[in-house]
PDB file of N, CA and C in Angstrom:
ATOM      1  N   MET A   1       0.799  -0.740   0.100  1.00  0.00           N
ATOM      2  CA  MET A   1      -0.116   0.102  -0.025  1.00  0.00           C
ATOM      3  C   MET A   1       0.821   1.176   0.202  1.00  0.00           C
ATOM      4  N   PRO A   2       1.294   1.753  -1.079  1.00  0.00           N
ATOM      5  CA  PRO A   2       1.924   2.938  -1.144  1.00  0.00           C
ATOM      6  C   PRO A   2       1.227   3.796  -0.656  1.00  0.00           C
ATOM      7  N   SER A   3       2.136   5.150   0.058  1.00  0.00           N
ATOM      8  CA  SER A   3       1.049   6.646   0.469  1.00  0.00           C
ATOM      9  C   SER A   3       2.389   7.308   0.031  1.00  0.00           C
ATOM     10  N   SER A   4       1.669   8.598   0.853  1.00  0.00           N
ATOM     11  CA  SER A   4       2.230   9.733   0.565  1.00  0.00           C
ATOM     12  C   SER A   4       2.368  10.786   1.557  1.00  0.00           C
ATOM     13  N   ILE A   5       2.432  11.558   2.402  1.00  0.00           N
ATOM     14  CA  ILE A   5       1.788  12.725   2.290  1.00  0.00           C
ATOM     15  C   ILE A   5       2.126  14.496   2.515  1.00  0.00           C
ATOM     16  N   THR A   6       0.942  15.103   2.091  1.00  0.00           N
ATOM     17  CA  THR A   6       1.342  16.803   1.919  1.00  0.00           C
ATOM     18  C   THR A   6       1.795  17.079   2.872  1.00  0.00           C
ATOM     19  N   GLN A   7       2.812  17.926   1.639  1.00  0.00           N
ATOM     20  CA  GLN A   7       3.889  18.736   2.898  1.00  0.00           C
ATOM     21  C   GLN A   7       4.525  18.445   3.111  1.00  0.00           C
ATOM     22  N   CYS A   8       5.610  17.286   2.277  1.00  0.00           N
ATOM     23  CA  CYS A   8       6.344  15.786   2.371  1.00  0.00           C
ATOM     24  C   CYS A   8       7.602  17.021   2.892  1.00  0.00           C
ATOM     25  N   GLY A   9       8.331  16.154   3.334  1.00  0.00           N
ATOM     26  CA  GLY A   9       9.601  17.168   3.427  1.00  0.00           C
ATOM     27  C   GLY A   9      10.350  16.910   1.933  1.00  0.00           C
ATOM     28  N   THR A  10      10.891  15.863   1.726  1.00  0.00           N
ATOM     29  CA  THR A  10      11.344  14.949   0.030  1.00  0.00           C
ATOM     30  C   THR A  10      10.833  16.563  -0.863  1.00  0.00           C
ATOM     31  N   GLY A  11       9.827  16.904  -0.777  1.00  0.00           N
ATOM     32  CA  GLY A  11       9.970  18.067  -1.578  1.00  0.00           C
ATOM     33  C   GLY A  11      11.120  19.625  -1.615  1.00  0.00           C
ATOM     34  N   LYS A  12      11.149  19.569  -0.871  1.00  0.00           N
ATOM     35  CA  LYS A  12      12.392  20.878  -0.705  1.00  0.00           C
ATOM     36  C   LYS A  12      13.359  19.851  -1.544  1.00  0.00           C
ATOM     37  N   LEU A  13      13.441  18.588  -1.803  1.00  0.00           N
ATOM     38  CA  LEU A  13      14.749  18.707  -3.434  1.00  0.00           C
ATOM     39  C   LEU A  13      14.008  18.194  -4.397  1.00  0.00           C
ATOM     40  N   SER A  14      13.118  19.360  -4.721  1.00  0.00           N
ATOM     41  CA  SER A  14      13.049  20.399  -5.885  1.00  0.00           C
ATOM     42  C   SER A  14      13.304  21.510  -5.999  1.00  0.00           C
ATOM     43  N   GLU A  15      13.979  22.502  -4.723  1.00  0.00           N
ATOM     44  CA  GLU A  15      14.862  23.286  -4.415  1.00  0.00           C
ATOM     45  C   GLU A  15      15.907  23.102  -5.205  1.00  0.00           C
ATOM     46  N   PRO A  16      17.115  23.854  -5.887  1.00  0.00           N
ATOM     47  CA  PRO A  16      17.486  23.494  -6.240  1.00  0.00           C
ATOM     48  C   PRO A  16      18.958  23.814  -4.897  1.00  0.00           C
ATOM     49  N   ALA A  17      19.176  25.464  -4.866  1.00  0.00           N
ATOM     50  CA  ALA A  17      19.753  25.256  -3.477  1.00  0.00           C
ATOM     51  C   ALA A  17      19.755  24.651  -2.142  1.00  0.00           C
ATOM     52  N   PHE A  18      18.854  24.234  -2.137  1.00  0.00           N
ATOM     53  CA  PHE A  18      18.674  23.153  -0.757  1.00  0.00           C
ATOM     54  C   PHE A  18      19.124  21.364  -1.422  1.00  0.00           C
ATOM     55  N   ARG A  19      18.799  21.611  -2.503  1.00  0.00           N
ATOM     56  CA  ARG A  19      19.613  19.457  -3.285  1.00  0.00           C
ATOM     57  C   ARG A  19      20.507  20.345  -3.162  1.00  0.00           C
ATOM     58  N   GLN A  20      21.600  21.258  -4.001  1.00  0.00           N
ATOM     59  CA  GLN A  20      22.964  21.181  -3.533  1.00  0.00           C
ATOM     60  C   GLN A  20      23.540  21.251  -2.317  1.00  0.00           C
ATOM     61  N   ALA A  21      23.039  21.143  -1.788  1.00  0.00           N
ATOM     62  CA  ALA A  21      24.058  21.676  -0.121  1.00  0.00           C
ATOM     63  C   ALA A  21      23.069  19.860   1.151  1.00  0.00           C
ATOM     64  N   PHE A  22      22.401  19.725   0.520  1.00  0.00           N
ATOM     65  CA  PHE A  22      22.031  18.610   1.233  1.00  0.00           C
ATOM     66  C   PHE A  22      22.942  17.649   0.358  1.00  0.00           C
ATOM     67  N   ALA A  23      23.032  17.394  -1.647  1.00  0.00           N
ATOM     68  CA  ALA A  23      23.415  16.701  -1.560  1.00  0.00           C
ATOM     69  C   ALA A  23      25.193  16.546  -1.198  1.00  0.00           C
ATOM     70  N   HIS A  24      26.085  17.914  -0.927  1.00  0.00           N
ATOM     71  CA  HIS A  24      27.403  17.948  -0.499  1.00  0.00           C
ATOM     72  C   HIS A  24      27.362  17.354   1.054  1.00  0.00           C
ATOM     73  N   HIS A  25      26.742  18.128   1.859  1.00  0.00           N
ATOM     74  CA  HIS A  25      26.450  17.104   3.260  1.00  0.00           C
ATOM     75  C   HIS A  25      26.762  15.726   2.840  1.00  0.00           C
ATOM     76  N   THR A  26      25.765  15.422   1.945  1.00  0.00           N
ATOM     77  CA  THR A  26      25.669  13.556   2.432  1.00  0.00           C
ATOM     78  C   THR A  26      26.594  13.229   1.563  1.00  0.00           C
ATOM     79  N   GLY A  27      27.043  13.751   0.278  1.00  0.00           N
ATOM     80  CA  GLY A  27      27.497  13.119  -0.477  1.00  0.00           C
ATOM     81  C   GLY A  27      27.040  11.987  -1.395  1.00  0.00           C
ATOM     82  N   LEU A  28      25.927  11.993  -1.459  1.00  0.00           N
ATOM     83  CA  LEU A  28      24.243  12.209  -2.498  1.00  0.00           C
ATOM     84  C   LEU A  28      25.035  12.584  -4.018  1.00  0.00           C
ATOM     85  N   ASP A  29      24.032  11.776  -4.659  1.00  0.00           N
ATOM     86  CA  ASP A  29      24.420  12.649  -6.282  1.00  0.00           C
ATOM     87  C   ASP A  29      23.031  13.570  -6.261  1.00  0.00           C
ATOM     88  N   GLU A  30      23.231  14.457  -6.593  1.00  0.00           N
ATOM     89  CA  GLU A  30      22.178  15.704  -6.130  1.00  0.00           C
ATOM     90  C   GLU A  30      21.247  15.269  -8.062  1.00  0.00           C
ATOM     91  N   GLY A  31      21.728  14.472  -8.952  1.00  0.00           N
ATOM     92  CA  GLY A  31      20.286  14.119  -9.321  1.00  0.00           C
ATOM     93  C   GLY A  31      19.703  13.568  -9.641  1.00  0.00           C
ATOM     94  N   ALA A  32      19.966  12.121  -8.419  1.00  0.00           N
ATOM     95  CA  ALA A  32      19.457  11.102  -7.887  1.00  0.00           C
ATOM     96  C   ALA A  32      18.799  11.968  -6.863  1.00  0.00           C
ATOM     97  N   LEU A  33      18.641  12.814  -6.241  1.00  0.00           N
ATOM     98  CA  LEU A  33      18.369  13.738  -5.114  1.00  0.00           C
ATOM     99  C   LEU A  33      16.832  14.292  -5.577  1.00  0.00           C
ATOM    100  N   ALA A  34      17.415  14.811  -7.064  1.00  0.00           N
ATOM    101  CA  ALA A  34      16.338  15.322  -7.922  1.00  0.00           C
ATOM    102  C   ALA A  34      15.241  14.594  -8.007  1.00  0.00           C
ATOM    103  N   ASP A  35      15.666  13.408  -8.025  1.00  0.00           N
ATOM    104  CA  ASP A  35      14.548  12.178  -8.738  1.00  0.00           C
ATOM    105  C   ASP A  35      13.604  11.829  -7.798  1.00  0.00           C
ATOM    106  N   LYS A  36      14.140  11.780  -6.387  1.00  0.00           N
ATOM    107  CA  LYS A  36      13.138  11.683  -5.243  1.00  0.00           C
ATOM    108  C   LYS A  36      12.321  12.189  -4.793  1.00  0.00           C
ATOM    109  N   ALA A  37      11.987  14.017  -5.196  1.00  0.00           N
ATOM    110  CA  ALA A  37      11.516  14.829  -4.831  1.00  0.00           C
ATOM    111  C   ALA A  37      10.099  14.598  -4.969  1.00  0.00           C
ATOM    112  N   VAL A  38       8.938  14.688  -4.269  1.00  0.00           N
ATOM    113  CA  VAL A  38       7.784  14.659  -3.304  1.00  0.00           C
ATOM    114  C   VAL A  38       6.969  15.560  -3.935  1.00  0.00           C
ATOM    115  N   THR A  39       6.672  16.081  -5.284  1.00  0.00           N
ATOM    116  CA  THR A  39       5.925  17.737  -5.470  1.00  0.00           C
ATOM    117  C   THR A  39       4.800  17.897  -5.728  1.00  0.00           C
ATOM    118  N   ASP A  40       4.432  16.463  -5.515  1.00  0.00           N
ATOM    119  CA  ASP A  40       2.414  15.711  -5.635  1.00  0.00           C
ATOM    120  C   ASP A  40       2.132  14.454  -5.345  1.00  0.00           C
ATOM    121  N   PRO A  41       2.069  14.515  -3.984  1.00  0.00           N
ATOM    122  CA  PRO A  41       1.445  12.759  -3.370  1.00  0.00           C
ATOM    123  C   PRO A  41       0.825  12.100  -4.241  1.00  0.00           C
ATOM    124  N   ALA A  42      -0.030  13.093  -5.116  1.00  0.00           N
ATOM    125  CA  ALA A  42      -0.818  12.002  -5.639  1.00  0.00           C
ATOM    126  C   ALA A  42       0.066  11.111  -7.063  1.00  0.00           C
ATOM    127  N   VAL A  43       0.445  11.755  -7.512  1.00  0.00           N
ATOM    128  CA  VAL A  43       1.376  11.147  -8.651  1.00  0.00           C
ATOM    129  C   VAL A  43       2.445  10.577  -8.387  1.00  0.00           C
ATOM    130  N   THR A  44       3.118  10.977  -7.315  1.00  0.00           N
ATOM    131  CA  THR A  44       3.772   9.667  -6.573  1.00  0.00           C
ATOM    132  C   THR A  44       3.384   8.695  -6.173  1.00  0.00           C
ATOM    133  N   VAL A  45       2.108   8.321  -5.333  1.00  0.00           N
ATOM    134  CA  VAL A  45       1.135   7.605  -5.296  1.00  0.00           C
ATOM    135  C   VAL A  45       1.192   6.404  -6.003  1.00  0.00           C
ATOM    136  N   ARG A  46       0.976   7.186  -7.097  1.00  0.00           N
ATOM    137  CA  ARG A  46      -0.166   6.581  -8.752  1.00  0.00           C
ATOM    138  C   ARG A  46       1.459   6.591  -9.161  1.00  0.00           C
ATOM    139  N   GLN A  47       2.535   6.362  -9.257  1.00  0.00           N
ATOM    140  CA  GLN A  47       3.566   6.298  -9.870  1.00  0.00           C
ATOM    141  C   GLN A  47       3.749   4.762  -9.413  1.00  0.00           C
ATOM    142  N   ASP A  48       4.268   4.784  -7.472  1.00  0.00           N
ATOM    143  CA  ASP A  48       4.837   3.925  -6.832  1.00  0.00           C
ATOM    144  C   ASP A  48       3.674   2.347  -7.671  1.00  0.00           C
ATOM    145  N   VAL A  49       2.471   2.717  -6.907  1.00  0.00           N
ATOM    146  CA  VAL A  49       1.443   1.571  -7.298  1.00  0.00           C
ATOM    147  C   VAL A  49       1.718   1.733  -9.085  1.00  0.00           C
ATOM    148  N   ALA A  50       1.682   1.845  -9.907  1.00  0.00           N
ATOM    149  CA  ALA A  50       2.483   1.327 -11.148  1.00  0.00           C
ATOM    150  C   ALA A  50       3.868   0.099 -11.100  1.00  0.00           C
ATOM    151  N   GLU A  51       4.194   0.819 -10.623  1.00  0.00           N
ATOM    152  CA  GLU A  51       5.783   0.033 -10.230  1.00  0.00           C
ATOM    153  C   GLU A  51       5.401  -1.213  -9.884  1.00  0.00           C
ATOM    154  N   LEU A  52       4.967  -1.032  -8.598  1.00  0.00           N
ATOM    155  CA  LEU A  52       4.566  -2.727  -7.884  1.00  0.00           C
ATOM    156  C   LEU A  52       2.899  -3.169  -8.993  1.00  0.00           C
ATOM    157  N   LEU A  53       2.440  -2.683  -9.710  1.00  0.00           N
ATOM    158  CA  LEU A  53       1.672  -3.645 -10.257  1.00  0.00           C
ATOM    159  C   LEU A  53       2.420  -4.264 -11.678  1.00  0.00           C
ATOM    160  N   ALA A  54       3.661  -3.805 -12.019  1.00  0.00           N
ATOM    161  CA  ALA A  54       4.130  -4.225 -13.013  1.00  0.00           C
ATOM    162  C   ALA A  54       5.175  -4.603 -12.859  1.00  0.00           C
ATOM    163  N   HIS A  55       5.516  -5.106 -11.323  1.00  0.00           N
ATOM    164  CA  HIS A  55       7.139  -6.127 -11.327  1.00  0.00           C
ATOM    165  C   HIS A  55       6.733  -7.053 -11.789  1.00  0.00           C
ATOM    166  N   PRO A  56       7.865  -8.228 -12.247  1.00  0.00           N
ATOM    167  CA  PRO A  56       7.479  -9.710 -12.863  1.00  0.00           C
ATOM    168  C   PRO A  56       7.186 -10.333 -11.770  1.00  0.00           C
ATOM    169  N   LEU A  57       7.611 -10.356 -10.592  1.00  0.00           N
ATOM    170  CA  LEU A  57       8.023 -11.023  -9.414  1.00  0.00           C
ATOM    171  C   LEU A  57       6.673 -11.023  -8.664  1.00  0.00           C
ATOM    172  N   LEU A  58       5.404 -10.125  -8.902  1.00  0.00           N
ATOM    173  CA  LEU A  58       3.823  -9.585  -8.493  1.00  0.00           C
ATOM    174  C   LEU A  58       3.434 -10.402  -8.394  1.00  0.00           C
ATOM    175  N   SER A  59       1.896 -11.733  -8.442  1.00  0.00           N
ATOM    176  CA  SER A  59       1.486 -12.427  -8.626  1.00  0.00           C
ATOM    177  C   SER A  59       0.378 -11.961  -7.329  1.00  0.00           C
ATOM    178  N   GLU A  60      -0.683 -12.674  -8.127  1.00  0.00           N
ATOM    179  CA  GLU A  60      -2.373 -12.462  -6.964  1.00  0.00           C
ATOM    180  C   GLU A  60      -1.662 -13.734  -5.625  1.00  0.00           C
ATOM    181  N   ASP A  61      -0.542 -14.254  -6.225  1.00  0.00           N
ATOM    182  CA  ASP A  61      -0.454 -15.489  -5.350  1.00  0.00           C
ATOM    183  C   ASP A  61       0.362 -14.974  -3.755  1.00  0.00           C
ATOM    184  N   ILE A  62       0.856 -14.079  -4.573  1.00  0.00           N
ATOM    185  CA  ILE A  62       1.540 -13.151  -3.257  1.00  0.00           C
ATOM    186  C   ILE A  62       1.133 -12.427  -2.933  1.00  0.00           C
ATOM    187  N   LEU A  63       0.119 -10.796  -3.726  1.00  0.00           N
ATOM    188  CA  LEU A  63      -0.168  -9.877  -2.952  1.00  0.00           C
ATOM    189  C   LEU A  63      -1.586  -9.825  -4.125  1.00  0.00           C
ATOM    190  N   ALA A  64      -2.973  -9.845  -2.895  1.00  0.00           N
ATOM    191  CA  ALA A  64      -4.109  -9.702  -3.458  1.00  0.00           C
ATOM    192  C   ALA A  64      -4.201  -8.892  -4.570  1.00  0.00           C
ATOM    193  N   SER A  65      -3.715  -8.046  -3.920  1.00  0.00           N
ATOM    194  CA  SER A  65      -4.166  -6.247  -4.007  1.00  0.00           C
ATOM    195  C   SER A  65      -2.993  -5.586  -4.112  1.00  0.00           C
ATOM    196  N   VAL A  66      -3.551  -3.748  -4.715  1.00  0.00           N
ATOM    197  CA  VAL A  66      -2.202  -2.831  -4.438  1.00  0.00           C
ATOM    198  C   VAL A  66      -2.955  -1.811  -4.053  1.00  0.00           C
ATOM    199  N   SER A  67      -2.950  -0.494  -3.129  1.00  0.00           N
ATOM    200  CA  SER A  67      -3.830   0.298  -3.370  1.00  0.00           C
ATOM    201  C   SER A  67      -3.308   1.576  -2.911  1.00  0.00           C
ATOM    202  N   GLY A  68      -3.697   3.060  -3.293  1.00  0.00           N
ATOM    203  CA  GLY A  68      -2.373   4.240  -2.841  1.00  0.00           C
ATOM    204  C   GLY A  68      -3.671   4.782  -2.538  1.00  0.00           C
ATOM    205  N   HIS A  69      -2.839   5.306  -1.234  1.00  0.00           N
ATOM    206  CA  HIS A  69      -3.414   6.281  -0.159  1.00  0.00           C
ATOM    207  C   HIS A  69      -2.278   8.086  -0.294  1.00  0.00           C
ATOM    208  N   VAL A  70      -2.654   8.802   0.445  1.00  0.00           N
ATOM    209  CA  VAL A  70      -2.611  10.370   0.555  1.00  0.00           C
ATOM    210  C   VAL A  70      -2.938  10.664   1.437  1.00  0.00           C
ATOM    211  N   LEU A  71      -1.978  10.552   2.756  1.00  0.00           N
ATOM    212  CA  LEU A  71      -3.164  11.410   3.898  1.00  0.00           C
ATOM    213  C   LEU A  71      -2.277  13.053   3.804  1.00  0.00           C
ATOM    214  N   ARG A  72      -3.924  13.714   4.046  1.00  0.00           N
ATOM    215  CA  ARG A  72      -4.008  15.419   4.148  1.00  0.00           C
ATOM    216  C   ARG A  72      -3.731  16.010   4.865  1.00  0.00           C
ATOM    217  N   LEU A  73      -2.155  15.890   5.896  1.00  0.00           N
ATOM    218  CA  LEU A  73      -2.045  17.106   6.711  1.00  0.00           C
ATOM    219  C   LEU A  73      -2.590  18.307   7.201  1.00  0.00           C
ATOM    220  N   GLU A  74      -3.575  19.184   6.007  1.00  0.00           N
ATOM    221  CA  GLU A  74      -3.641  20.363   6.510  1.00  0.00           C
ATOM    222  C   GLU A  74      -5.806  19.467   6.854  1.00  0.00           C
ATOM    223  N   THR A  75      -6.014  17.959   6.269  1.00  0.00           N
ATOM    224  CA  THR A  75      -7.758  17.957   7.243  1.00  0.00           C
ATOM    225  C   THR A  75      -7.104  17.469   7.601  1.00  0.00           C
ATOM    226  N   GLY A  76      -6.201  16.239   7.704  1.00  0.00           N
ATOM    227  CA  GLY A  76      -5.999  14.463   8.877  1.00  0.00           C
ATOM    228  C   GLY A  76      -6.653  13.383   8.059  1.00  0.00           C
ATOM    229  N   LEU A  77      -7.462  14.564   7.476  1.00  0.00           N
ATOM    230  CA  LEU A  77      -8.213  12.466   6.365  1.00  0.00           C
ATOM    231  C   LEU A  77      -7.318  11.478   5.422  1.00  0.00           C
ATOM    232  N   VAL A  78      -7.585  10.462   4.846  1.00  0.00           N
ATOM    233  CA  VAL A  78      -6.363   9.727   4.298  1.00  0.00           C
ATOM    234  C   VAL A  78      -7.264   9.589   3.001  1.00  0.00           C
ATOM    235  N   GLU A  79      -6.352  10.272   1.841  1.00  0.00           N
ATOM    236  CA  GLU A  79      -7.598   9.880   0.151  1.00  0.00           C
ATOM    237  C   GLU A  79      -6.885   8.757  -0.307  1.00  0.00           C
ATOM    238  N   THR A  80      -8.354   8.173  -0.632  1.00  0.00           N
ATOM    239  CA  THR A  80      -7.141   7.244  -1.909  1.00  0.00           C
ATOM    240  C   THR A  80      -7.013   7.355  -3.420  1.00  0.00           C
ATOM    241  N   VAL A  81      -6.187   7.621  -3.587  1.00  0.00           N
ATOM    242  CA  VAL A  81      -5.726   7.924  -5.367  1.00  0.00           C
ATOM    243  C   VAL A  81      -5.751   5.906  -6.199  1.00  0.00           C
ATOM    244  N   VAL A  82      -5.255   5.637  -5.383  1.00  0.00           N
ATOM    245  CA  VAL A  82      -5.853   4.180  -6.715  1.00  0.00           C
ATOM    246  C   VAL A  82      -6.581   3.088  -5.660  1.00  0.00           C
ATOM    247  N   LYS A  83      -7.511   2.927  -6.190  1.00  0.00           N
ATOM    248  CA  LYS A  83      -8.851   1.553  -5.589  1.00  0.00           C
ATOM    249  C   LYS A  83      -7.683   0.548  -5.641  1.00  0.00           C
ATOM    250  N   ALA A  84      -7.837  -0.487  -4.683  1.00  0.00           N
ATOM    251  CA  ALA A  84      -7.399  -1.360  -4.260  1.00  0.00           C
ATOM    252  C   ALA A  84      -7.391  -2.326  -5.790  1.00  0.00           C
ATOM    253  N   THR A  85      -6.145  -2.817  -6.504  1.00  0.00           N
ATOM    254  CA  THR A  85      -6.262  -3.424  -7.729  1.00  0.00           C
ATOM    255  C   THR A  85      -5.340  -4.953  -7.732  1.00  0.00           C
ATOM    256  N   ALA A  86      -6.057  -5.933  -8.582  1.00  0.00           N
ATOM    257  CA  ALA A  86      -5.087  -7.220  -8.477  1.00  0.00           C
ATOM    258  C   ALA A  86      -3.719  -6.369  -8.985  1.00  0.00           C
ATOM    259  N   PRO A  87      -3.154  -7.459  -9.231  1.00  0.00           N
ATOM    260  CA  PRO A  87      -1.889  -7.439  -9.974  1.00  0.00           C
ATOM    261  C   PRO A  87      -1.974  -8.266 -11.494  1.00  0.00           C
ATOM    262  N   VAL A  88      -1.299  -8.302 -12.243  1.00  0.00           N
ATOM    263  CA  VAL A  88      -1.722  -8.473 -13.390  1.00  0.00           C
ATOM    264  C   VAL A  88      -1.390 -10.497 -13.577  1.00  0.00           C
ATOM    265  N   GLN A  89      -1.898 -11.693 -14.109  1.00  0.00           N
ATOM    266  CA  GLN A  89      -1.019 -12.781 -14.355  1.00  0.00           C
ATOM    267  C   GLN A  89      -0.130 -12.785 -15.039  1.00  0.00           C
ATOM    268  N   SER A  90      -0.056 -12.580 -15.482  1.00  0.00           N
ATOM    269  CA  SER A  90       0.962 -12.207 -17.169  1.00  0.00           C
ATOM    270  C   SER A  90       2.063 -12.509 -17.293  1.00  0.00           C
ATOM    271  N   HIS A  91       2.556 -12.134 -16.002  1.00  0.00           N
ATOM    272  CA  HIS A  91       4.535 -11.923 -15.521  1.00  0.00           C
ATOM    273  C   HIS A  91       4.663 -13.078 -15.898  1.00  0.00           C
ATOM    274  N   ARG A  92       3.863 -14.181 -15.416  1.00  0.00           N
ATOM    275  CA  ARG A  92       4.923 -15.732 -15.031  1.00  0.00           C
ATOM    276  C   ARG A  92       5.580 -16.148 -16.336  1.00  0.00           C
TER     277      ARG A  92
END
């Protein structure tokens, strides 16, 4: 069940000055950090669910379904952005 939150701290990685300083401090690759920025939690969760469902080792034998959610910190409510979806059996 991939999930994310609004106001996620990784959103700061989209800011070049923050990302550069963070990369310098941690020794991590600045380009890789840019790829990790969560600027839209719903988009990120949809991508994570799609990656899980497309994984060749994931089947209904292992997992019945995958869903995705965003916790809205502004309201305290959880929003389902991807309803429960079963993996495709054709991966075998």
